[in-house]
Amino acid sequence: MRNVLEAQRQAWNRGDLDGFMDGYWKSDSLTFYSGESVSRGWEATRERYIRRYKSGGREMGTLAFDLREVALGAPDRATVRGAWRLTLRDGSPHGTFTLQLRRFPEGWKIVEDRTTSGAE
């Protein structure tokens, strides 16, 4: 499970959004919660990331994760909790996350992402 987040971090820091999205379950059932908004489905989640970090000259910045808890709920299910921080030219947004992962034949994928943003 840790390797999923490490691969996402590396892809993000290369500016490779599609590589970052490889960590998510490519399904209409993927759910991404951020603040009061909910994105349902892989494509909607990808579009959200594009709007926030790729369109209109926006920068993706440098992403860091601090994994605080990895708990196996069953052989094919896990919960990962931690913190994230982006380093941008104009600040360092940060927050926490709780991820639900499932093991598929192709490996572990995030099936639910609950992300919060902290105060600057």
PDB file of N, CA and C in Angstrom:
ATOM      1  N   MET A   1       0.816  -1.191   0.000  1.00  0.00           N
ATOM      2  CA  MET A   1       0.000   0.000   0.000  1.00  0.00           C
ATOM      3  C   MET A   1       0.864   1.261   0.000  1.00  0.00           C
ATOM      4  N   ARG A   2       1.945   1.218   0.760  1.00  0.00           N
ATOM      5  CA  ARG A   2       2.846   2.372   0.795  1.00  0.00           C
ATOM      6  C   ARG A   2       3.421   2.661  -0.592  1.00  0.00           C
ATOM      7  N   ASN A   3       3.651   1.591  -1.353  1.00  0.00           N
ATOM      8  CA  ASN A   3       4.231   1.785  -2.693  1.00  0.00           C
ATOM      9  C   ASN A   3       3.265   2.514  -3.619  1.00  0.00           C
ATOM     10  N   VAL A   4       1.959   2.388  -3.402  1.00  0.00           N
ATOM     11  CA  VAL A   4       0.973   3.122  -4.202  1.00  0.00           C
ATOM     12  C   VAL A   4       1.158   4.624  -3.988  1.00  0.00           C
ATOM     13  N   LEU A   5       1.261   5.023  -2.719  1.00  0.00           N
ATOM     14  CA  LEU A   5       1.422   6.448  -2.422  1.00  0.00           C
ATOM     15  C   LEU A   5       2.787   6.967  -2.854  1.00  0.00           C
ATOM     16  N   GLU A   6       3.814   6.145  -2.728  1.00  0.00           N
ATOM     17  CA  GLU A   6       5.134   6.584  -3.179  1.00  0.00           C
ATOM     18  C   GLU A   6       5.140   6.771  -4.697  1.00  0.00           C
ATOM     19  N   ALA A   7       4.502   5.872  -5.428  1.00  0.00           N
ATOM     20  CA  ALA A   7       4.412   6.027  -6.885  1.00  0.00           C
ATOM     21  C   ALA A   7       3.609   7.280  -7.238  1.00  0.00           C
ATOM     22  N   GLN A   8       2.543   7.545  -6.485  1.00  0.00           N
ATOM     23  CA  GLN A   8       1.766   8.763  -6.722  1.00  0.00           C
ATOM     24  C   GLN A   8       2.613  10.008  -6.463  1.00  0.00           C
ATOM     25  N   ARG A   9       3.346  10.022  -5.364  1.00  0.00           N
ATOM     26  CA  ARG A   9       4.184  11.169  -5.030  1.00  0.00           C
ATOM     27  C   ARG A   9       5.216  11.433  -6.127  1.00  0.00           C
ATOM     28  N   GLN A  10       5.863  10.373  -6.571  1.00  0.00           N
ATOM     29  CA  GLN A  10       6.875  10.534  -7.618  1.00  0.00           C
ATOM     30  C   GLN A  10       6.259  11.050  -8.916  1.00  0.00           C
ATOM     31  N   ALA A  11       5.099  10.495  -9.301  1.00  0.00           N
ATOM     32  CA  ALA A  11       4.437  10.938 -10.528  1.00  0.00           C
ATOM     33  C   ALA A  11       4.038  12.411 -10.410  1.00  0.00           C
ATOM     34  N   TRP A  12       3.449  12.785  -9.286  1.00  0.00           N
ATOM     35  CA  TRP A  12       3.036  14.183  -9.075  1.00  0.00           C
ATOM     36  C   TRP A  12       4.228  15.121  -9.228  1.00  0.00           C
ATOM     37  N   ASN A  13       5.323  14.753  -8.597  1.00  0.00           N
ATOM     38  CA  ASN A  13       6.498  15.628  -8.595  1.00  0.00           C
ATOM     39  C   ASN A  13       7.176  15.697  -9.964  1.00  0.00           C
ATOM     40  N   ARG A  14       6.853  14.772 -10.869  1.00  0.00           N
ATOM     41  CA  ARG A  14       7.304  14.844 -12.266  1.00  0.00           C
ATOM     42  C   ARG A  14       6.320  15.637 -13.118  1.00  0.00           C
ATOM     43  N   GLY A  15       5.161  16.022 -12.521  1.00  0.00           N
ATOM     44  CA  GLY A  15       4.116  16.704 -13.285  1.00  0.00           C
ATOM     45  C   GLY A  15       3.273  15.746 -14.093  1.00  0.00           C
ATOM     46  N   ASP A  16       3.291  14.467 -13.718  1.00  0.00           N
ATOM     47  CA  ASP A  16       2.607  13.390 -14.441  1.00  0.00           C
ATOM     48  C   ASP A  16       1.285  13.066 -13.751  1.00  0.00           C
ATOM     49  N   LEU A  17       0.238  13.821 -14.084  1.00  0.00           N
ATOM     50  CA  LEU A  17      -1.055  13.620 -13.439  1.00  0.00           C
ATOM     51  C   LEU A  17      -1.639  12.248 -13.753  1.00  0.00           C
ATOM     52  N   ASP A  18      -1.482  11.773 -14.984  1.00  0.00           N
ATOM     53  CA  ASP A  18      -2.017  10.448 -15.316  1.00  0.00           C
ATOM     54  C   ASP A  18      -1.295   9.358 -14.521  1.00  0.00           C
ATOM     55  N   GLY A  19       0.014   9.513 -14.332  1.00  0.00           N
ATOM     56  CA  GLY A  19       0.749   8.568 -13.484  1.00  0.00           C
ATOM     57  C   GLY A  19       0.253   8.613 -12.053  1.00  0.00           C
ATOM     58  N   PHE A  20      -0.034   9.813 -11.554  1.00  0.00           N
ATOM     59  CA  PHE A  20      -0.599   9.974 -10.213  1.00  0.00           C
ATOM     60  C   PHE A  20      -1.940   9.257 -10.116  1.00  0.00           C
ATOM     61  N   MET A  21      -2.755   9.404 -11.145  1.00  0.00           N
ATOM     62  CA  MET A  21      -4.095   8.799 -11.146  1.00  0.00           C
ATOM     63  C   MET A  21      -4.057   7.273 -11.225  1.00  0.00           C
ATOM     64  N   ASP A  22      -2.925   6.698 -11.616  1.00  0.00           N
ATOM     65  CA  ASP A  22      -2.794   5.231 -11.647  1.00  0.00           C
ATOM     66  C   ASP A  22      -3.023   4.610 -10.279  1.00  0.00           C
ATOM     67  N   GLY A  23      -2.831   5.380  -9.212  1.00  0.00           N
ATOM     68  CA  GLY A  23      -3.057   4.851  -7.868  1.00  0.00           C
ATOM     69  C   GLY A  23      -4.517   4.693  -7.503  1.00  0.00           C
ATOM     70  N   TYR A  24      -5.389   5.297  -8.290  1.00  0.00           N
ATOM     71  CA  TYR A  24      -6.829   5.230  -8.028  1.00  0.00           C
ATOM     72  C   TYR A  24      -7.480   4.116  -8.850  1.00  0.00           C
ATOM     73  N   TRP A  25      -8.539   3.549  -8.291  1.00  0.00           N
ATOM     74  CA  TRP A  25      -9.349   2.540  -8.953  1.00  0.00           C
ATOM     75  C   TRP A  25     -10.023   3.199 -10.151  1.00  0.00           C
ATOM     76  N   LYS A  26      -9.799   2.680 -11.319  1.00  0.00           N
ATOM     77  CA  LYS A  26     -10.382   3.264 -12.538  1.00  0.00           C
ATOM     78  C   LYS A  26     -11.800   2.726 -12.690  1.00  0.00           C
ATOM     79  N   SER A  27     -12.708   3.340 -11.934  1.00  0.00           N
ATOM     80  CA  SER A  27     -14.087   2.877 -11.853  1.00  0.00           C
ATOM     81  C   SER A  27     -15.012   4.062 -11.583  1.00  0.00           C
ATOM     82  N   ASP A  28     -16.248   3.928 -12.013  1.00  0.00           N
ATOM     83  CA  ASP A  28     -17.270   4.921 -11.679  1.00  0.00           C
ATOM     84  C   ASP A  28     -17.610   4.892 -10.195  1.00  0.00           C
ATOM     85  N   SER A  29     -17.161   3.852  -9.473  1.00  0.00           N
ATOM     86  CA  SER A  29     -17.450   3.721  -8.045  1.00  0.00           C
ATOM     87  C   SER A  29     -16.399   4.368  -7.151  1.00  0.00           C
ATOM     88  N   LEU A  30     -15.285   4.849  -7.722  1.00  0.00           N
ATOM     89  CA  LEU A  30     -14.299   5.585  -6.942  1.00  0.00           C
ATOM     90  C   LEU A  30     -14.982   6.814  -6.344  1.00  0.00           C
ATOM     91  N   THR A  31     -14.693   7.114  -5.071  1.00  0.00           N
ATOM     92  CA  THR A  31     -15.279   8.282  -4.422  1.00  0.00           C
ATOM     93  C   THR A  31     -14.157   9.122  -3.815  1.00  0.00           C
ATOM     94  N   PHE A  32     -14.189  10.435  -4.096  1.00  0.00           N
ATOM     95  CA  PHE A  32     -13.193  11.371  -3.602  1.00  0.00           C
ATOM     96  C   PHE A  32     -13.919  12.491  -2.869  1.00  0.00           C
ATOM     97  N   TYR A  33     -13.655  12.608  -1.564  1.00  0.00           N
ATOM     98  CA  TYR A  33     -14.246  13.655  -0.740  1.00  0.00           C
ATOM     99  C   TYR A  33     -13.166  14.691  -0.436  1.00  0.00           C
ATOM    100  N   SER A  34     -13.491  15.962  -0.630  1.00  0.00           N
ATOM    101  CA  SER A  34     -12.576  17.045  -0.278  1.00  0.00           C
ATOM    102  C   SER A  34     -13.418  18.207   0.227  1.00  0.00           C
ATOM    103  N   GLY A  35     -13.278  18.501   1.509  1.00  0.00           N
ATOM    104  CA  GLY A  35     -14.129  19.539   2.090  1.00  0.00           C
ATOM    105  C   GLY A  35     -15.582  19.138   1.946  1.00  0.00           C
ATOM    106  N   GLU A  36     -16.372  20.018   1.345  1.00  0.00           N
ATOM    107  CA  GLU A  36     -17.789  19.729   1.154  1.00  0.00           C
ATOM    108  C   GLU A  36     -18.095  19.157  -0.220  1.00  0.00           C
ATOM    109  N   SER A  37     -17.067  18.984  -1.061  1.00  0.00           N
ATOM    110  CA  SER A  37     -17.328  18.469  -2.409  1.00  0.00           C
ATOM    111  C   SER A  37     -17.055  16.966  -2.480  1.00  0.00           C
ATOM    112  N   VAL A  38     -17.794  16.320  -3.370  1.00  0.00           N
ATOM    113  CA  VAL A  38     -17.648  14.885  -3.600  1.00  0.00           C
ATOM    114  C   VAL A  38     -17.526  14.663  -5.101  1.00  0.00           C
ATOM    115  N   SER A  39     -16.487  13.934  -5.499  1.00  0.00           N
ATOM    116  CA  SER A  39     -16.337  13.519  -6.898  1.00  0.00           C
ATOM    117  C   SER A  39     -16.573  12.030  -6.946  1.00  0.00           C
ATOM    118  N   ARG A  40     -17.402  11.613  -7.869  1.00  0.00           N
ATOM    119  CA  ARG A  40     -17.695  10.185  -8.007  1.00  0.00           C
ATOM    120  C   ARG A  40     -17.184   9.706  -9.356  1.00  0.00           C
ATOM    121  N   GLY A  41     -16.321   8.714  -9.296  1.00  0.00           N
ATOM    122  CA  GLY A  41     -15.769   8.146 -10.509  1.00  0.00           C
ATOM    123  C   GLY A  41     -14.354   8.613 -10.789  1.00  0.00           C
ATOM    124  N   TRP A  42     -13.596   7.757 -11.462  1.00  0.00           N
ATOM    125  CA  TRP A  42     -12.195   8.046 -11.778  1.00  0.00           C
ATOM    126  C   TRP A  42     -12.075   9.284 -12.658  1.00  0.00           C
ATOM    127  N   GLU A  43     -12.896   9.362 -13.680  1.00  0.00           N
ATOM    128  CA  GLU A  43     -12.802  10.484 -14.622  1.00  0.00           C
ATOM    129  C   GLU A  43     -13.138  11.804 -13.935  1.00  0.00           C
ATOM    130  N   ALA A  44     -14.162  11.824 -13.095  1.00  0.00           N
ATOM    131  CA  ALA A  44     -14.521  13.054 -12.367  1.00  0.00           C
ATOM    132  C   ALA A  44     -13.399  13.469 -11.418  1.00  0.00           C
ATOM    133  N   THR A  45     -12.752  12.503 -10.789  1.00  0.00           N
ATOM    134  CA  THR A  45     -11.634  12.799  -9.893  1.00  0.00           C
ATOM    135  C   THR A  45     -10.464  13.366 -10.683  1.00  0.00           C
ATOM    136  N   ARG A  46     -10.177  12.778 -11.822  1.00  0.00           N
ATOM    137  CA  ARG A  46      -9.100  13.274 -12.689  1.00  0.00           C
ATOM    138  C   ARG A  46      -9.396  14.709 -13.140  1.00  0.00           C
ATOM    139  N   GLU A  47     -10.620  14.967 -13.567  1.00  0.00           N
ATOM    140  CA  GLU A  47     -11.003  16.316 -14.005  1.00  0.00           C
ATOM    141  C   GLU A  47     -10.863  17.332 -12.879  1.00  0.00           C
ATOM    142  N   ARG A  48     -11.187  16.931 -11.666  1.00  0.00           N
ATOM    143  CA  ARG A  48     -11.029  17.818 -10.511  1.00  0.00           C
ATOM    144  C   ARG A  48      -9.556  18.197 -10.334  1.00  0.00           C
ATOM    145  N   TYR A  49      -8.682  17.209 -10.407  1.00  0.00           N
ATOM    146  CA  TYR A  49      -7.244  17.491 -10.284  1.00  0.00           C
ATOM    147  C   TYR A  49      -6.770  18.400 -11.424  1.00  0.00           C
ATOM    148  N   ILE A  50      -7.246  18.180 -12.624  1.00  0.00           N
ATOM    149  CA  ILE A  50      -6.852  19.034 -13.752  1.00  0.00           C
ATOM    150  C   ILE A  50      -7.271  20.476 -13.485  1.00  0.00           C
ATOM    151  N   ARG A  51      -8.520  20.685 -13.063  1.00  0.00           N
ATOM    152  CA  ARG A  51      -9.015  22.039 -12.776  1.00  0.00           C
ATOM    153  C   ARG A  51      -8.184  22.729 -11.701  1.00  0.00           C
ATOM    154  N   ARG A  52      -7.835  21.985 -10.659  1.00  0.00           N
ATOM    155  CA  ARG A  52      -7.132  22.599  -9.519  1.00  0.00           C
ATOM    156  C   ARG A  52      -5.635  22.771  -9.732  1.00  0.00           C
ATOM    157  N   TYR A  53      -5.025  21.885 -10.531  1.00  0.00           N
ATOM    158  CA  TYR A  53      -3.564  21.883 -10.564  1.00  0.00           C
ATOM    159  C   TYR A  53      -2.926  21.916 -11.950  1.00  0.00           C
ATOM    160  N   LYS A  54      -3.690  21.854 -13.025  1.00  0.00           N
ATOM    161  CA  LYS A  54      -3.094  21.822 -14.359  1.00  0.00           C
ATOM    162  C   LYS A  54      -3.615  22.910 -15.282  1.00  0.00           C
ATOM    163  N   SER A  55      -4.848  23.351 -15.111  1.00  0.00           N
ATOM    164  CA  SER A  55      -5.442  24.292 -16.065  1.00  0.00           C
ATOM    165  C   SER A  55      -5.062  25.730 -15.728  1.00  0.00           C
ATOM    166  N   GLY A  56      -5.150  26.594 -16.722  1.00  0.00           N
ATOM    167  CA  GLY A  56      -4.951  28.018 -16.516  1.00  0.00           C
ATOM    168  C   GLY A  56      -3.581  28.402 -15.980  1.00  0.00           C
ATOM    169  N   GLY A  57      -2.558  27.637 -16.336  1.00  0.00           N
ATOM    170  CA  GLY A  57      -1.212  27.969 -15.896  1.00  0.00           C
ATOM    171  C   GLY A  57      -0.916  27.635 -14.450  1.00  0.00           C
ATOM    172  N   ARG A  58      -1.788  26.881 -13.809  1.00  0.00           N
ATOM    173  CA  ARG A  58      -1.546  26.499 -12.419  1.00  0.00           C
ATOM    174  C   ARG A  58      -0.358  25.547 -12.350  1.00  0.00           C
ATOM    175  N   GLU A  59       0.263  25.511 -11.191  1.00  0.00           N
ATOM    176  CA  GLU A  59       1.394  24.604 -10.998  1.00  0.00           C
ATOM    177  C   GLU A  59       0.979  23.442 -10.101  1.00  0.00           C
ATOM    178  N   MET A  60       1.607  22.292 -10.316  1.00  0.00           N
ATOM    179  CA  MET A  60       1.342  21.135  -9.471  1.00  0.00           C
ATOM    180  C   MET A  60       2.179  21.183  -8.198  1.00  0.00           C
ATOM    181  N   GLY A  61       3.347  21.817  -8.247  1.00  0.00           N
ATOM    182  CA  GLY A  61       4.191  21.922  -7.071  1.00  0.00           C
ATOM    183  C   GLY A  61       4.865  20.609  -6.729  1.00  0.00           C
ATOM    184  N   THR A  62       5.354  20.552  -5.506  1.00  0.00           N
ATOM    185  CA  THR A  62       6.041  19.362  -5.003  1.00  0.00           C
ATOM    186  C   THR A  62       5.211  18.779  -3.870  1.00  0.00           C
ATOM    187  N   LEU A  63       4.877  17.501  -3.986  1.00  0.00           N
ATOM    188  CA  LEU A  63       4.008  16.812  -3.036  1.00  0.00           C
ATOM    189  C   LEU A  63       4.834  15.975  -2.070  1.00  0.00           C
ATOM    190  N   ALA A  64       4.438  16.022  -0.794  1.00  0.00           N
ATOM    191  CA  ALA A  64       5.037  15.155   0.227  1.00  0.00           C
ATOM    192  C   ALA A  64       3.918  14.517   1.036  1.00  0.00           C
ATOM    193  N   PHE A  65       4.131  13.267   1.415  1.00  0.00           N
ATOM    194  CA  PHE A  65       3.192  12.547   2.273  1.00  0.00           C
ATOM    195  C   PHE A  65       3.875  12.201   3.593  1.00  0.00           C
ATOM    196  N   ASP A  66       3.096  12.180   4.657  1.00  0.00           N
ATOM    197  CA  ASP A  66       3.535  11.684   5.952  1.00  0.00           C
ATOM    198  C   ASP A  66       2.536  10.597   6.336  1.00  0.00           C
ATOM    199  N   LEU A  67       2.905   9.334   6.106  1.00  0.00           N
ATOM    200  CA  LEU A  67       2.002   8.223   6.421  1.00  0.00           C
ATOM    201  C   LEU A  67       2.035   7.976   7.921  1.00  0.00           C
ATOM    202  N   ARG A  68       0.871   8.006   8.544  1.00  0.00           N
ATOM    203  CA  ARG A  68       0.788   7.882   9.999  1.00  0.00           C
ATOM    204  C   ARG A  68       0.219   6.555  10.454  1.00  0.00           C
ATOM    205  N   GLU A  69      -0.622   5.940   9.618  1.00  0.00           N
ATOM    206  CA  GLU A  69      -1.225   4.670  10.013  1.00  0.00           C
ATOM    207  C   GLU A  69      -1.598   3.883   8.765  1.00  0.00           C
ATOM    208  N   VAL A  70      -1.205   2.632   8.757  1.00  0.00           N
ATOM    209  CA  VAL A  70      -1.600   1.707   7.698  1.00  0.00           C
ATOM    210  C   VAL A  70      -2.205   0.505   8.401  1.00  0.00           C
ATOM    211  N   ALA A  71      -3.489   0.258   8.180  1.00  0.00           N
ATOM    212  CA  ALA A  71      -4.189  -0.815   8.870  1.00  0.00           C
ATOM    213  C   ALA A  71      -4.833  -1.751   7.859  1.00  0.00           C
ATOM    214  N   LEU A  72      -4.502  -3.017   7.958  1.00  0.00           N
ATOM    215  CA  LEU A  72      -5.101  -4.035   7.099  1.00  0.00           C
ATOM    216  C   LEU A  72      -6.410  -4.467   7.725  1.00  0.00           C
ATOM    217  N   GLY A  73      -7.525  -4.288   6.994  1.00  0.00           N
ATOM    218  CA  GLY A  73      -8.832  -4.675   7.506  1.00  0.00           C
ATOM    219  C   GLY A  73      -9.199  -6.098   7.140  1.00  0.00           C
ATOM    220  N   ALA A  74      -8.648  -6.579   6.060  1.00  0.00           N
ATOM    221  CA  ALA A  74      -8.834  -7.936   5.544  1.00  0.00           C
ATOM    222  C   ALA A  74      -7.671  -8.137   4.574  1.00  0.00           C
ATOM    223  N   PRO A  75      -7.470  -9.333   4.076  1.00  0.00           N
ATOM    224  CA  PRO A  75      -6.337  -9.536   3.167  1.00  0.00           C
ATOM    225  C   PRO A  75      -6.369  -8.647   1.923  1.00  0.00           C
ATOM    226  N   ASP A  76      -7.565  -8.190   1.533  1.00  0.00           N
ATOM    227  CA  ASP A  76      -7.675  -7.375   0.321  1.00  0.00           C
ATOM    228  C   ASP A  76      -8.197  -5.961   0.576  1.00  0.00           C
ATOM    229  N   ARG A  77      -8.179  -5.509   1.837  1.00  0.00           N
ATOM    230  CA  ARG A  77      -8.684  -4.177   2.188  1.00  0.00           C
ATOM    231  C   ARG A  77      -7.744  -3.520   3.190  1.00  0.00           C
ATOM    232  N   ALA A  78      -7.567  -2.210   3.031  1.00  0.00           N
ATOM    233  CA  ALA A  78      -6.695  -1.489   3.952  1.00  0.00           C
ATOM    234  C   ALA A  78      -7.147  -0.043   4.085  1.00  0.00           C
ATOM    235  N   THR A  79      -6.798   0.549   5.222  1.00  0.00           N
ATOM    236  CA  THR A  79      -7.024   1.963   5.475  1.00  0.00           C
ATOM    237  C   THR A  79      -5.667   2.612   5.707  1.00  0.00           C
ATOM    238  N   VAL A  80      -5.444   3.733   5.044  1.00  0.00           N
ATOM    239  CA  VAL A  80      -4.196   4.475   5.203  1.00  0.00           C
ATOM    240  C   VAL A  80      -4.554   5.890   5.626  1.00  0.00           C
ATOM    241  N   ARG A  81      -3.934   6.342   6.718  1.00  0.00           N
ATOM    242  CA  ARG A  81      -4.156   7.706   7.203  1.00  0.00           C
ATOM    243  C   ARG A  81      -2.819   8.441   7.219  1.00  0.00           C
ATOM    244  N   GLY A  82      -2.893   9.726   6.907  1.00  0.00           N
ATOM    245  CA  GLY A  82      -1.667  10.502   6.914  1.00  0.00           C
ATOM    246  C   GLY A  82      -1.926  11.957   6.625  1.00  0.00           C
ATOM    247  N   ALA A  83      -0.841  12.640   6.296  1.00  0.00           N
ATOM    248  CA  ALA A  83      -0.903  14.063   5.983  1.00  0.00           C
ATOM    249  C   ALA A  83      -0.231  14.298   4.637  1.00  0.00           C
ATOM    250  N   TRP A  84      -0.627  15.384   3.996  1.00  0.00           N
ATOM    251  CA  TRP A  84      -0.043  15.776   2.713  1.00  0.00           C
ATOM    252  C   TRP A  84       0.374  17.238   2.789  1.00  0.00           C
ATOM    253  N   ARG A  85       1.349  17.599   1.970  1.00  0.00           N
ATOM    254  CA  ARG A  85       1.780  18.989   1.860  1.00  0.00           C
ATOM    255  C   ARG A  85       2.259  19.228   0.441  1.00  0.00           C
ATOM    256  N   LEU A  86       1.784  20.326  -0.130  1.00  0.00           N
ATOM    257  CA  LEU A  86       2.268  20.780  -1.429  1.00  0.00           C
ATOM    258  C   LEU A  86       3.161  21.997  -1.213  1.00  0.00           C
ATOM    259  N   THR A  87       4.257  22.023  -1.906  1.00  0.00           N
ATOM    260  CA  THR A  87       5.100  23.210  -1.896  1.00  0.00           C
ATOM    261  C   THR A  87       4.926  23.886  -3.247  1.00  0.00           C
ATOM    262  N   LEU A  88       4.357  25.098  -3.211  1.00  0.00           N
ATOM    263  CA  LEU A  88       4.090  25.884  -4.408  1.00  0.00           C
ATOM    264  C   LEU A  88       4.875  27.189  -4.333  1.00  0.00           C
ATOM    265  N   ARG A  89       4.951  27.893  -5.429  1.00  0.00           N
ATOM    266  CA  ARG A  89       5.615  29.210  -5.415  1.00  0.00           C
ATOM    267  C   ARG A  89       4.965  30.149  -4.407  1.00  0.00           C
ATOM    268  N   ASP A  90       3.637  30.064  -4.296  1.00  0.00           N
ATOM    269  CA  ASP A  90       2.896  31.019  -3.472  1.00  0.00           C
ATOM    270  C   ASP A  90       2.338  30.419  -2.191  1.00  0.00           C
ATOM    271  N   GLY A  91       2.951  29.400  -1.649  1.00  0.00           N
ATOM    272  CA  GLY A  91       2.456  28.844  -0.393  1.00  0.00           C
ATOM    273  C   GLY A  91       2.646  27.350  -0.294  1.00  0.00           C
ATOM    274  N   SER A  92       2.147  26.815   0.804  1.00  0.00           N
ATOM    275  CA  SER A  92       2.267  25.381   1.065  1.00  0.00           C
ATOM    276  C   SER A  92       0.955  24.835   1.606  1.00  0.00           C
ATOM    277  N   PRO A  93      -0.031  24.614   0.734  1.00  0.00           N
ATOM    278  CA  PRO A  93      -1.269  24.012   1.228  1.00  0.00           C
ATOM    279  C   PRO A  93      -0.973  22.624   1.802  1.00  0.00           C
ATOM    280  N   HIS A  94      -1.753  22.248   2.794  1.00  0.00           N
ATOM    281  CA  HIS A  94      -1.522  20.970   3.457  1.00  0.00           C
ATOM    282  C   HIS A  94      -2.820  20.485   4.094  1.00  0.00           C
ATOM    283  N   GLY A  95      -2.808  19.253   4.536  1.00  0.00           N
ATOM    284  CA  GLY A  95      -3.980  18.699   5.191  1.00  0.00           C
ATOM    285  C   GLY A  95      -3.763  17.234   5.532  1.00  0.00           C
ATOM    286  N   THR A  96      -4.855  16.545   5.746  1.00  0.00           N
ATOM    287  CA  THR A  96      -4.804  15.129   6.102  1.00  0.00           C
ATOM    288  C   THR A  96      -5.631  14.317   5.115  1.00  0.00           C
ATOM    289  N   PHE A  97      -5.451  13.011   5.168  1.00  0.00           N
ATOM    290  CA  PHE A  97      -6.232  12.123   4.304  1.00  0.00           C
ATOM    291  C   PHE A  97      -6.486  10.802   5.006  1.00  0.00           C
ATOM    292  N   THR A  98      -7.593  10.198   4.619  1.00  0.00           N
ATOM    293  CA  THR A  98      -7.908   8.818   4.969  1.00  0.00           C
ATOM    294  C   THR A  98      -8.269   8.131   3.665  1.00  0.00           C
ATOM    295  N   LEU A  99      -7.534   7.088   3.349  1.00  0.00           N
ATOM    296  CA  LEU A  99      -7.742   6.352   2.102  1.00  0.00           C
ATOM    297  C   LEU A  99      -8.214   4.943   2.396  1.00  0.00           C
ATOM    298  N   GLN A 100      -9.163   4.490   1.602  1.00  0.00           N
ATOM    299  CA  GLN A 100      -9.566   3.085   1.616  1.00  0.00           C
ATOM    300  C   GLN A 100      -8.974   2.455   0.357  1.00  0.00           C
ATOM    301  N   LEU A 101      -8.247   1.374   0.537  1.00  0.00           N
ATOM    302  CA  LEU A 101      -7.644   0.676  -0.598  1.00  0.00           C
ATOM    303  C   LEU A 101      -8.163  -0.746  -0.681  1.00  0.00           C
ATOM    304  N   ARG A 102      -8.203  -1.253  -1.902  1.00  0.00           N
ATOM    305  CA  ARG A 102      -8.544  -2.662  -2.151  1.00  0.00           C
ATOM    306  C   ARG A 102      -7.469  -3.263  -3.030  1.00  0.00           C
ATOM    307  N   ARG A 103      -7.224  -4.543  -2.788  1.00  0.00           N
ATOM    308  CA  ARG A 103      -6.271  -5.253  -3.632  1.00  0.00           C
ATOM    309  C   ARG A 103      -7.032  -5.886  -4.790  1.00  0.00           C
ATOM    310  N   PHE A 104      -6.626  -5.547  -5.989  1.00  0.00           N
ATOM    311  CA  PHE A 104      -7.172  -6.088  -7.228  1.00  0.00           C
ATOM    312  C   PHE A 104      -6.104  -6.968  -7.866  1.00  0.00           C
ATOM    313  N   PRO A 105      -6.451  -7.726  -8.894  1.00  0.00           N
ATOM    314  CA  PRO A 105      -5.420  -8.544  -9.556  1.00  0.00           C
ATOM    315  C   PRO A 105      -4.212  -7.716 -10.007  1.00  0.00           C
ATOM    316  N   GLU A 106      -4.428  -6.451 -10.389  1.00  0.00           N
ATOM    317  CA  GLU A 106      -3.315  -5.596 -10.830  1.00  0.00           C
ATOM    318  C   GLU A 106      -2.612  -4.888  -9.667  1.00  0.00           C
ATOM    319  N   GLY A 107      -3.060  -5.115  -8.424  1.00  0.00           N
ATOM    320  CA  GLY A 107      -2.419  -4.528  -7.253  1.00  0.00           C
ATOM    321  C   GLY A 107      -3.374  -3.663  -6.443  1.00  0.00           C
ATOM    322  N   TRP A 108      -2.828  -2.986  -5.435  1.00  0.00           N
ATOM    323  CA  TRP A 108      -3.611  -2.128  -4.552  1.00  0.00           C
ATOM    324  C   TRP A 108      -4.027  -0.853  -5.280  1.00  0.00           C
ATOM    325  N   LYS A 109      -5.285  -0.441  -5.072  1.00  0.00           N
ATOM    326  CA  LYS A 109      -5.815   0.794  -5.650  1.00  0.00           C
ATOM    327  C   LYS A 109      -6.637   1.524  -4.591  1.00  0.00           C
ATOM    328  N   ILE A 110      -6.607   2.854  -4.651  1.00  0.00           N
ATOM    329  CA  ILE A 110      -7.434   3.672  -3.769  1.00  0.00           C
ATOM    330  C   ILE A 110      -8.863   3.639  -4.302  1.00  0.00           C
ATOM    331  N   VAL A 111      -9.817   3.253  -3.441  1.00  0.00           N
ATOM    332  CA  VAL A 111     -11.220   3.197  -3.859  1.00  0.00           C
ATOM    333  C   VAL A 111     -12.038   4.327  -3.219  1.00  0.00           C
ATOM    334  N   GLU A 112     -11.491   4.909  -2.137  1.00  0.00           N
ATOM    335  CA  GLU A 112     -12.138   6.052  -1.495  1.00  0.00           C
ATOM    336  C   GLU A 112     -11.055   6.943  -0.904  1.00  0.00           C
ATOM    337  N   ASP A 113     -11.170   8.247  -1.155  1.00  0.00           N
ATOM    338  CA  ASP A 113     -10.193   9.222  -0.681  1.00  0.00           C
ATOM    339  C   ASP A 113     -10.957  10.322   0.047  1.00  0.00           C
ATOM    340  N   ARG A 114     -10.637  10.507   1.318  1.00  0.00           N
ATOM    341  CA  ARG A 114     -11.213  11.602   2.121  1.00  0.00           C
ATOM    342  C   ARG A 114     -10.060  12.514   2.502  1.00  0.00           C
ATOM    343  N   THR A 115     -10.013  13.676   1.867  1.00  0.00           N
ATOM    344  CA  THR A 115      -8.917  14.613   2.041  1.00  0.00           C
ATOM    345  C   THR A 115      -9.419  15.909   2.647  1.00  0.00           C
ATOM    346  N   THR A 116      -8.688  16.432   3.606  1.00  0.00           N
ATOM    347  CA  THR A 116      -9.021  17.717   4.202  1.00  0.00           C
ATOM    348  C   THR A 116      -7.873  18.685   3.961  1.00  0.00           C
ATOM    349  N   SER A 117      -8.183  19.960   3.962  1.00  0.00           N
ATOM    350  CA  SER A 117      -7.163  21.000   3.840  1.00  0.00           C
ATOM    351  C   SER A 117      -7.036  21.716   5.172  1.00  0.00           C
ATOM    352  N   GLY A 118      -5.800  21.947   5.596  1.00  0.00           N
ATOM    353  CA  GLY A 118      -5.547  22.661   6.835  1.00  0.00           C
ATOM    354  C   GLY A 118      -5.355  24.143   6.573  1.00  0.00           C
ATOM    355  N   ALA A 119      -5.359  24.927   7.613  1.00  0.00           N
ATOM    356  CA  ALA A 119      -5.127  26.367   7.482  1.00  0.00           C
ATOM    357  C   ALA A 119      -3.663  26.603   7.180  1.00  0.00           C
ATOM    358  N   GLU A 120      -3.395  27.602   6.383  1.00  0.00           N
ATOM    359  CA  GLU A 120      -2.031  27.981   5.993  1.00  0.00           C
ATOM    360  C   GLU A 120      -1.290  28.529   7.182  1.00  0.00           C
TER     361      GLU A 120
END
